[in-house]
Amino acid sequence: MPFRTSGWNACNALVGAGDYSGDGRPDVLARDTSGRNFLYKGTGTAAAPFAAPEQIAADWGVYDTLVVPGDIDGDSNGDVLARVPNGTCTRT
């Protein structure tokens, strides 16, 4: 699926996740309204900046906030902080 400038309304969360795929290009995480989480790998090409989405998780609808602070645990991978409505946060 090429990058589209429309149709993103199927997502209720978009976060710039840094480089999750390890290929040196910035990626994006998107959560759809059913709670599935998708990775859009960066391609490095302006005409098609993201590859086809890959589902990487399900059941993320329980989180009301997603934040991408970078690599907070020092493992050279981007981290996501997710918060549930009661205020509890988890690192994923």
PDB file of N, CA and C in Angstrom:
ATOM      1  N   MET A   1       0.848  -1.171   0.000  1.00  0.00           N
ATOM      2  CA  MET A   1       0.000   0.000   0.000  1.00  0.00           C
ATOM      3  C   MET A   1       0.894   1.236   0.000  1.00  0.00           C
ATOM      4  N   PRO A   2       0.802   2.088  -0.980  1.00  0.00           N
ATOM      5  CA  PRO A   2       1.593   3.318  -0.984  1.00  0.00           C
ATOM      6  C   PRO A   2       1.062   4.296   0.062  1.00  0.00           C
ATOM      7  N   PHE A   3       1.879   5.250   0.412  1.00  0.00           N
ATOM      8  CA  PHE A   3       1.473   6.280   1.362  1.00  0.00           C
ATOM      9  C   PHE A   3       0.288   7.048   0.803  1.00  0.00           C
ATOM     10  N   ARG A   4      -0.696   7.279   1.652  1.00  0.00           N
ATOM     11  CA  ARG A   4      -1.871   8.050   1.240  1.00  0.00           C
ATOM     12  C   ARG A   4      -1.966   9.286   2.109  1.00  0.00           C
ATOM     13  N   THR A   5      -2.409  10.368   1.529  1.00  0.00           N
ATOM     14  CA  THR A   5      -2.627  11.575   2.306  1.00  0.00           C
ATOM     15  C   THR A   5      -4.033  11.606   2.880  1.00  0.00           C
ATOM     16  N   SER A   6      -4.862  10.639   2.523  1.00  0.00           N
ATOM     17  CA  SER A   6      -6.201  10.536   3.088  1.00  0.00           C
ATOM     18  C   SER A   6      -6.393   9.131   3.622  1.00  0.00           C
ATOM     19  N   GLY A   7      -7.457   8.930   4.381  1.00  0.00           N
ATOM     20  CA  GLY A   7      -7.744   7.618   4.919  1.00  0.00           C
ATOM     21  C   GLY A   7      -7.151   7.366   6.295  1.00  0.00           C
ATOM     22  N   TRP A   8      -6.426   8.331   6.832  1.00  0.00           N
ATOM     23  CA  TRP A   8      -5.819   8.165   8.149  1.00  0.00           C
ATOM     24  C   TRP A   8      -6.855   8.299   9.259  1.00  0.00           C
ATOM     25  N   ASN A   9      -8.099   8.646   8.918  1.00  0.00           N
ATOM     26  CA  ASN A   9      -9.137   8.746   9.939  1.00  0.00           C
ATOM     27  C   ASN A   9      -9.514   7.379  10.505  1.00  0.00           C
ATOM     28  N   ALA A  10      -9.014   6.311   9.919  1.00  0.00           N
ATOM     29  CA  ALA A  10      -9.196   4.976  10.495  1.00  0.00           C
ATOM     30  C   ALA A  10      -8.316   4.789  11.731  1.00  0.00           C
ATOM     31  N   CYS A  11      -7.403   5.735  11.949  1.00  0.00           N
ATOM     32  CA  CYS A  11      -6.489   5.678  13.091  1.00  0.00           C
ATOM     33  C   CYS A  11      -6.925   6.672  14.148  1.00  0.00           C
ATOM     34  N   ASN A  12      -6.800   6.261  15.412  1.00  0.00           N
ATOM     35  CA  ASN A  12      -7.091   7.192  16.495  1.00  0.00           C
ATOM     36  C   ASN A  12      -5.836   7.561  17.278  1.00  0.00           C
ATOM     37  N   ALA A  13      -4.689   7.058  16.835  1.00  0.00           N
ATOM     38  CA  ALA A  13      -3.407   7.469  17.413  1.00  0.00           C
ATOM     39  C   ALA A  13      -2.332   7.299  16.350  1.00  0.00           C
ATOM     40  N   LEU A  14      -1.503   8.322  16.207  1.00  0.00           N
ATOM     41  CA  LEU A  14      -0.334   8.298  15.322  1.00  0.00           C
ATOM     42  C   LEU A  14       0.838   8.830  16.126  1.00  0.00           C
ATOM     43  N   VAL A  15       1.939   8.105  16.138  1.00  0.00           N
ATOM     44  CA  VAL A  15       3.124   8.588  16.846  1.00  0.00           C
ATOM     45  C   VAL A  15       4.354   8.367  15.996  1.00  0.00           C
ATOM     46  N   GLY A  16       5.221   9.368  15.984  1.00  0.00           N
ATOM     47  CA  GLY A  16       6.509   9.231  15.330  1.00  0.00           C
ATOM     48  C   GLY A  16       7.398   8.411  16.227  1.00  0.00           C
ATOM     49  N   ALA A  17       7.776   7.252  15.783  1.00  0.00           N
ATOM     50  CA  ALA A  17       8.410   6.286  16.671  1.00  0.00           C
ATOM     51  C   ALA A  17       9.914   6.175  16.508  1.00  0.00           C
ATOM     52  N   GLY A  18      10.524   7.064  15.734  1.00  0.00           N
ATOM     53  CA  GLY A  18      11.947   6.874  15.486  1.00  0.00           C
ATOM     54  C   GLY A  18      12.149   5.709  14.539  1.00  0.00           C
ATOM     55  N   ASP A  19      13.208   4.984  14.726  1.00  0.00           N
ATOM     56  CA  ASP A  19      13.529   3.846  13.863  1.00  0.00           C
ATOM     57  C   ASP A  19      13.231   2.547  14.586  1.00  0.00           C
ATOM     58  N   TYR A  20      12.027   2.030  14.427  1.00  0.00           N
ATOM     59  CA  TYR A  20      11.656   0.760  15.046  1.00  0.00           C
ATOM     60  C   TYR A  20      12.131  -0.447  14.260  1.00  0.00           C
ATOM     61  N   SER A  21      12.290  -0.304  12.969  1.00  0.00           N
ATOM     62  CA  SER A  21      12.645  -1.459  12.141  1.00  0.00           C
ATOM     63  C   SER A  21      14.149  -1.710  12.091  1.00  0.00           C
ATOM     64  N   GLY A  22      14.943  -0.756  12.563  1.00  0.00           N
ATOM     65  CA  GLY A  22      16.393  -0.948  12.599  1.00  0.00           C
ATOM     66  C   GLY A  22      17.099  -0.704  11.283  1.00  0.00           C
ATOM     67  N   ASP A  23      16.404  -0.062  10.329  1.00  0.00           N
ATOM     68  CA  ASP A  23      17.022   0.150   9.020  1.00  0.00           C
ATOM     69  C   ASP A  23      17.590   1.559   8.846  1.00  0.00           C
ATOM     70  N   GLY A  24      17.585   2.365   9.920  1.00  0.00           N
ATOM     71  CA  GLY A  24      18.134   3.705   9.864  1.00  0.00           C
ATOM     72  C   GLY A  24      17.174   4.769   9.363  1.00  0.00           C
ATOM     73  N   ARG A  25      15.936   4.403   9.091  1.00  0.00           N
ATOM     74  CA  ARG A  25      14.938   5.361   8.601  1.00  0.00           C
ATOM     75  C   ARG A  25      13.831   5.533   9.645  1.00  0.00           C
ATOM     76  N   PRO A  26      13.299   6.749   9.778  1.00  0.00           N
ATOM     77  CA  PRO A  26      12.227   6.957  10.758  1.00  0.00           C
ATOM     78  C   PRO A  26      10.938   6.240  10.355  1.00  0.00           C
ATOM     79  N   ASP A  27      10.275   5.695  11.345  1.00  0.00           N
ATOM     80  CA  ASP A  27       9.045   4.938  11.150  1.00  0.00           C
ATOM     81  C   ASP A  27       7.900   5.626  11.892  1.00  0.00           C
ATOM     82  N   VAL A  28       6.677   5.179  11.640  1.00  0.00           N
ATOM     83  CA  VAL A  28       5.488   5.696  12.313  1.00  0.00           C
ATOM     84  C   VAL A  28       4.684   4.519  12.845  1.00  0.00           C
ATOM     85  N   LEU A  29       4.138   4.687  14.050  1.00  0.00           N
ATOM     86  CA  LEU A  29       3.189   3.730  14.604  1.00  0.00           C
ATOM     87  C   LEU A  29       1.800   4.330  14.510  1.00  0.00           C
ATOM     88  N   ALA A  30       0.828   3.509  14.141  1.00  0.00           N
ATOM     89  CA  ALA A  30      -0.560   3.955  14.014  1.00  0.00           C
ATOM     90  C   ALA A  30      -1.463   2.926  14.672  1.00  0.00           C
ATOM     91  N   ARG A  31      -2.397   3.407  15.486  1.00  0.00           N
ATOM     92  CA  ARG A  31      -3.384   2.523  16.106  1.00  0.00           C
ATOM     93  C   ARG A  31      -4.731   2.790  15.458  1.00  0.00           C
ATOM     94  N   ASP A  32      -5.388   1.716  15.011  1.00  0.00           N
ATOM     95  CA  ASP A  32      -6.713   1.900  14.406  1.00  0.00           C
ATOM     96  C   ASP A  32      -7.786   1.852  15.480  1.00  0.00           C
ATOM     97  N   THR A  33      -9.013   2.133  15.088  1.00  0.00           N
ATOM     98  CA  THR A  33     -10.097   2.251  16.055  1.00  0.00           C
ATOM     99  C   THR A  33     -10.484   0.925  16.705  1.00  0.00           C
ATOM    100  N   SER A  34     -10.004  -0.201  16.177  1.00  0.00           N
ATOM    101  CA  SER A  34     -10.265  -1.489  16.830  1.00  0.00           C
ATOM    102  C   SER A  34      -9.140  -1.870  17.787  1.00  0.00           C
ATOM    103  N   GLY A  35      -8.121  -1.005  17.930  1.00  0.00           N
ATOM    104  CA  GLY A  35      -7.039  -1.256  18.880  1.00  0.00           C
ATOM    105  C   GLY A  35      -5.820  -1.958  18.305  1.00  0.00           C
ATOM    106  N   ARG A  36      -5.835  -2.217  16.992  1.00  0.00           N
ATOM    107  CA  ARG A  36      -4.663  -2.851  16.374  1.00  0.00           C
ATOM    108  C   ARG A  36      -3.584  -1.795  16.149  1.00  0.00           C
ATOM    109  N   ASN A  37      -2.336  -2.176  16.381  1.00  0.00           N
ATOM    110  CA  ASN A  37      -1.213  -1.265  16.219  1.00  0.00           C
ATOM    111  C   ASN A  37      -0.413  -1.682  14.991  1.00  0.00           C
ATOM    112  N   PHE A  38      -0.084  -0.710  14.144  1.00  0.00           N
ATOM    113  CA  PHE A  38       0.617  -0.969  12.892  1.00  0.00           C
ATOM    114  C   PHE A  38       1.926  -0.193  12.827  1.00  0.00           C
ATOM    115  N   LEU A  39       2.928  -0.811  12.237  1.00  0.00           N
ATOM    116  CA  LEU A  39       4.197  -0.165  11.961  1.00  0.00           C
ATOM    117  C   LEU A  39       4.240   0.203  10.490  1.00  0.00           C
ATOM    118  N   TYR A  40       4.507   1.478  10.232  1.00  0.00           N
ATOM    119  CA  TYR A  40       4.747   1.963   8.877  1.00  0.00           C
ATOM    120  C   TYR A  40       6.238   2.245   8.775  1.00  0.00           C
ATOM    121  N   LYS A  41       6.972   1.361   8.122  1.00  0.00           N
ATOM    122  CA  LYS A  41       8.417   1.539   7.982  1.00  0.00           C
ATOM    123  C   LYS A  41       8.728   2.671   7.014  1.00  0.00           C
ATOM    124  N   GLY A  42       9.662   3.517   7.394  1.00  0.00           N
ATOM    125  CA  GLY A  42      10.108   4.578   6.513  1.00  0.00           C
ATOM    126  C   GLY A  42      10.900   4.014   5.344  1.00  0.00           C
ATOM    127  N   THR A  43      10.708   4.620   4.172  1.00  0.00           N
ATOM    128  CA  THR A  43      11.400   4.138   2.976  1.00  0.00           C
ATOM    129  C   THR A  43      12.566   5.026   2.569  1.00  0.00           C
ATOM    130  N   GLY A  44      12.570   6.275   3.027  1.00  0.00           N
ATOM    131  CA  GLY A  44      13.586   7.219   2.593  1.00  0.00           C
ATOM    132  C   GLY A  44      13.281   7.858   1.256  1.00  0.00           C
ATOM    133  N   THR A  45      12.091   7.604   0.717  1.00  0.00           N
ATOM    134  CA  THR A  45      11.665   8.153  -0.569  1.00  0.00           C
ATOM    135  C   THR A  45      10.513   9.123  -0.346  1.00  0.00           C
ATOM    136  N   ALA A  46      10.673  10.354  -0.817  1.00  0.00           N
ATOM    137  CA  ALA A  46       9.646  11.376  -0.586  1.00  0.00           C
ATOM    138  C   ALA A  46       8.314  11.033  -1.249  1.00  0.00           C
ATOM    139  N   ALA A  47       8.343  10.418  -2.414  1.00  0.00           N
ATOM    140  CA  ALA A  47       7.107  10.100  -3.135  1.00  0.00           C
ATOM    141  C   ALA A  47       6.300   9.004  -2.444  1.00  0.00           C
ATOM    142  N   ALA A  48       6.961   8.127  -1.729  1.00  0.00           N
ATOM    143  CA  ALA A  48       6.304   7.039  -0.991  1.00  0.00           C
ATOM    144  C   ALA A  48       7.076   6.839   0.310  1.00  0.00           C
ATOM    145  N   PRO A  49       6.860   7.718   1.303  1.00  0.00           N
ATOM    146  CA  PRO A  49       7.711   7.710   2.495  1.00  0.00           C
ATOM    147  C   PRO A  49       7.552   6.512   3.425  1.00  0.00           C
ATOM    148  N   PHE A  50       6.449   5.755   3.277  1.00  0.00           N
ATOM    149  CA  PHE A  50       6.242   4.601   4.154  1.00  0.00           C
ATOM    150  C   PHE A  50       5.895   3.365   3.348  1.00  0.00           C
ATOM    151  N   ALA A  51       6.393   2.229   3.827  1.00  0.00           N
ATOM    152  CA  ALA A  51       6.050   0.935   3.236  1.00  0.00           C
ATOM    153  C   ALA A  51       4.646   0.545   3.695  1.00  0.00           C
ATOM    154  N   ALA A  52       4.140  -0.547   3.167  1.00  0.00           N
ATOM    155  CA  ALA A  52       2.826  -1.055   3.563  1.00  0.00           C
ATOM    156  C   ALA A  52       2.822  -1.314   5.073  1.00  0.00           C
ATOM    157  N   PRO A  53       1.703  -1.051   5.726  1.00  0.00           N
ATOM    158  CA  PRO A  53       1.651  -1.246   7.174  1.00  0.00           C
ATOM    159  C   PRO A  53       1.760  -2.716   7.554  1.00  0.00           C
ATOM    160  N   GLU A  54       2.426  -2.941   8.694  1.00  0.00           N
ATOM    161  CA  GLU A  54       2.537  -4.286   9.268  1.00  0.00           C
ATOM    162  C   GLU A  54       1.888  -4.251  10.643  1.00  0.00           C
ATOM    163  N   GLN A  55       0.918  -5.137  10.877  1.00  0.00           N
ATOM    164  CA  GLN A  55       0.317  -5.190  12.207  1.00  0.00           C
ATOM    165  C   GLN A  55       1.337  -5.761  13.173  1.00  0.00           C
ATOM    166  N   ILE A  56       1.597  -5.040  14.267  1.00  0.00           N
ATOM    167  CA  ILE A  56       2.591  -5.488  15.231  1.00  0.00           C
ATOM    168  C   ILE A  56       1.995  -5.794  16.601  1.00  0.00           C
ATOM    169  N   ALA A  57       0.746  -5.406  16.817  1.00  0.00           N
ATOM    170  CA  ALA A  57       0.106  -5.672  18.110  1.00  0.00           C
ATOM    171  C   ALA A  57      -1.401  -5.542  17.961  1.00  0.00           C
ATOM    172  N   ALA A  58      -2.110  -6.075  18.932  1.00  0.00           N
ATOM    173  CA  ALA A  58      -3.565  -5.936  19.015  1.00  0.00           C
ATOM    174  C   ALA A  58      -3.903  -5.517  20.443  1.00  0.00           C
ATOM    175  N   ASP A  59      -5.140  -5.207  20.682  1.00  0.00           N
ATOM    176  CA  ASP A  59      -5.624  -4.868  22.017  1.00  0.00           C
ATOM    177  C   ASP A  59      -4.989  -3.601  22.596  1.00  0.00           C
ATOM    178  N   TRP A  60      -4.589  -2.680  21.749  1.00  0.00           N
ATOM    179  CA  TRP A  60      -4.034  -1.417  22.237  1.00  0.00           C
ATOM    180  C   TRP A  60      -5.123  -0.379  22.467  1.00  0.00           C
ATOM    181  N   GLY A  61      -6.378  -0.757  22.295  1.00  0.00           N
ATOM    182  CA  GLY A  61      -7.482   0.159  22.537  1.00  0.00           C
ATOM    183  C   GLY A  61      -7.649   0.506  24.010  1.00  0.00           C
ATOM    184  N   VAL A  62      -7.020  -0.248  24.909  1.00  0.00           N
ATOM    185  CA  VAL A  62      -7.122   0.029  26.344  1.00  0.00           C
ATOM    186  C   VAL A  62      -6.341   1.271  26.740  1.00  0.00           C
ATOM    187  N   TYR A  63      -5.400   1.696  25.898  1.00  0.00           N
ATOM    188  CA  TYR A  63      -4.568   2.853  26.209  1.00  0.00           C
ATOM    189  C   TYR A  63      -5.221   4.130  25.715  1.00  0.00           C
ATOM    190  N   ASP A  64      -5.240   5.149  26.576  1.00  0.00           N
ATOM    191  CA  ASP A  64      -5.815   6.425  26.154  1.00  0.00           C
ATOM    192  C   ASP A  64      -4.754   7.408  25.675  1.00  0.00           C
ATOM    193  N   THR A  65      -3.490   7.129  25.940  1.00  0.00           N
ATOM    194  CA  THR A  65      -2.401   8.008  25.512  1.00  0.00           C
ATOM    195  C   THR A  65      -1.190   7.175  25.118  1.00  0.00           C
ATOM    196  N   LEU A  66      -0.591   7.529  23.989  1.00  0.00           N
ATOM    197  CA  LEU A  66       0.664   6.915  23.548  1.00  0.00           C
ATOM    198  C   LEU A  66       1.678   8.037  23.366  1.00  0.00           C
ATOM    199  N   VAL A  67       2.877   7.851  23.907  1.00  0.00           N
ATOM    200  CA  VAL A  67       3.942   8.833  23.806  1.00  0.00           C
ATOM    201  C   VAL A  67       5.216   8.109  23.411  1.00  0.00           C
ATOM    202  N   VAL A  68       5.990   8.740  22.526  1.00  0.00           N
ATOM    203  CA  VAL A  68       7.246   8.154  22.070  1.00  0.00           C
ATOM    204  C   VAL A  68       8.393   9.066  22.518  1.00  0.00           C
ATOM    205  N   PRO A  69       9.014   8.755  23.665  1.00  0.00           N
ATOM    206  CA  PRO A  69      10.070   9.620  24.183  1.00  0.00           C
ATOM    207  C   PRO A  69      11.450   9.344  23.596  1.00  0.00           C
ATOM    208  N   GLY A  70      11.575   8.326  22.784  1.00  0.00           N
ATOM    209  CA  GLY A  70      12.881   7.907  22.261  1.00  0.00           C
ATOM    210  C   GLY A  70      13.324   6.633  22.955  1.00  0.00           C
ATOM    211  N   ASP A  71      14.616   6.435  23.022  1.00  0.00           N
ATOM    212  CA  ASP A  71      15.178   5.231  23.641  1.00  0.00           C
ATOM    213  C   ASP A  71      15.417   5.506  25.119  1.00  0.00           C
ATOM    214  N   ILE A  72      14.457   5.177  25.971  1.00  0.00           N
ATOM    215  CA  ILE A  72      14.594   5.501  27.389  1.00  0.00           C
ATOM    216  C   ILE A  72      15.290   4.408  28.194  1.00  0.00           C
ATOM    217  N   ASP A  73      15.446   3.217  27.624  1.00  0.00           N
ATOM    218  CA  ASP A  73      16.095   2.154  28.385  1.00  0.00           C
ATOM    219  C   ASP A  73      17.494   1.805  27.876  1.00  0.00           C
ATOM    220  N   GLY A  74      17.983   2.558  26.892  1.00  0.00           N
ATOM    221  CA  GLY A  74      19.360   2.397  26.442  1.00  0.00           C
ATOM    222  C   GLY A  74      19.656   1.177  25.601  1.00  0.00           C
ATOM    223  N   ASP A  75      18.624   0.576  24.986  1.00  0.00           N
ATOM    224  CA  ASP A  75      18.867  -0.620  24.170  1.00  0.00           C
ATOM    225  C   ASP A  75      18.980  -0.313  22.682  1.00  0.00           C
ATOM    226  N   SER A  76      19.059   0.958  22.332  1.00  0.00           N
ATOM    227  CA  SER A  76      19.170   1.436  20.942  1.00  0.00           C
ATOM    228  C   SER A  76      17.901   1.258  20.122  1.00  0.00           C
ATOM    229  N   ASN A  77      16.778   0.975  20.782  1.00  0.00           N
ATOM    230  CA  ASN A  77      15.482   0.868  20.111  1.00  0.00           C
ATOM    231  C   ASN A  77      14.537   1.910  20.686  1.00  0.00           C
ATOM    232  N   GLY A  78      13.663   2.466  19.838  1.00  0.00           N
ATOM    233  CA  GLY A  78      12.669   3.414  20.313  1.00  0.00           C
ATOM    234  C   GLY A  78      11.685   2.748  21.256  1.00  0.00           C
ATOM    235  N   ASP A  79      11.228   3.484  22.247  1.00  0.00           N
ATOM    236  CA  ASP A  79      10.267   2.967  23.216  1.00  0.00           C
ATOM    237  C   ASP A  79       8.957   3.735  23.111  1.00  0.00           C
ATOM    238  N   VAL A  80       7.877   3.095  23.519  1.00  0.00           N
ATOM    239  CA  VAL A  80       6.555   3.722  23.563  1.00  0.00           C
ATOM    240  C   VAL A  80       6.070   3.644  25.003  1.00  0.00           C
ATOM    241  N   LEU A  81       5.619   4.769  25.527  1.00  0.00           N
ATOM    242  CA  LEU A  81       4.940   4.778  26.814  1.00  0.00           C
ATOM    243  C   LEU A  81       3.455   4.827  26.540  1.00  0.00           C
ATOM    244  N   ALA A  82       2.720   3.934  27.187  1.00  0.00           N
ATOM    245  CA  ALA A  82       1.280   3.847  26.993  1.00  0.00           C
ATOM    246  C   ALA A  82       0.602   3.995  28.351  1.00  0.00           C
ATOM    247  N   ARG A  83      -0.477   4.794  28.393  1.00  0.00           N
ATOM    248  CA  ARG A  83      -1.189   5.030  29.643  1.00  0.00           C
ATOM    249  C   ARG A  83      -2.613   4.528  29.536  1.00  0.00           C
ATOM    250  N   VAL A  84      -3.081   3.835  30.572  1.00  0.00           N
ATOM    251  CA  VAL A  84      -4.480   3.437  30.656  1.00  0.00           C
ATOM    252  C   VAL A  84      -5.240   4.545  31.396  1.00  0.00           C
ATOM    253  N   PRO A  85      -6.559   4.605  31.255  1.00  0.00           N
ATOM    254  CA  PRO A  85      -7.331   5.714  31.823  1.00  0.00           C
ATOM    255  C   PRO A  85      -7.152   5.933  33.334  1.00  0.00           C
ATOM    256  N   ASN A  86      -6.778   4.906  34.097  1.00  0.00           N
ATOM    257  CA  ASN A  86      -6.593   5.113  35.535  1.00  0.00           C
ATOM    258  C   ASN A  86      -5.269   5.782  35.870  1.00  0.00           C
ATOM    259  N   GLY A  87      -4.443   6.059  34.843  1.00  0.00           N
ATOM    260  CA  GLY A  87      -3.194   6.756  35.048  1.00  0.00           C
ATOM    261  C   GLY A  87      -1.955   5.876  35.084  1.00  0.00           C
ATOM    262  N   THR A  88      -2.113   4.580  35.014  1.00  0.00           N
ATOM    263  CA  THR A  88      -0.975   3.662  35.031  1.00  0.00           C
ATOM    264  C   THR A  88      -0.279   3.688  33.672  1.00  0.00           C
ATOM    265  N   CYS A  89       1.042   3.820  33.700  1.00  0.00           N
ATOM    266  CA  CYS A  89       1.824   3.813  32.462  1.00  0.00           C
ATOM    267  C   CYS A  89       2.626   2.528  32.352  1.00  0.00           C
ATOM    268  N   THR A  90       2.875   2.139  31.125  1.00  0.00           N
ATOM    269  CA  THR A  90       3.712   0.992  30.853  1.00  0.00           C
ATOM    270  C   THR A  90       4.624   1.317  29.683  1.00  0.00           C
ATOM    271  N   ARG A  91       5.805   0.731  29.652  1.00  0.00           N
ATOM    272  CA  ARG A  91       6.716   0.898  28.517  1.00  0.00           C
ATOM    273  C   ARG A  91       6.579  -0.332  27.642  1.00  0.00           C
ATOM    274  N   THR A  92       6.442  -0.108  26.352  1.00  0.00           N
ATOM    275  CA  THR A  92       6.291  -1.234  25.438  1.00  0.00           C
ATOM    276  C   THR A  92       7.434  -1.251  24.448  1.00  0.00           C
TER     277      THR A  92
END
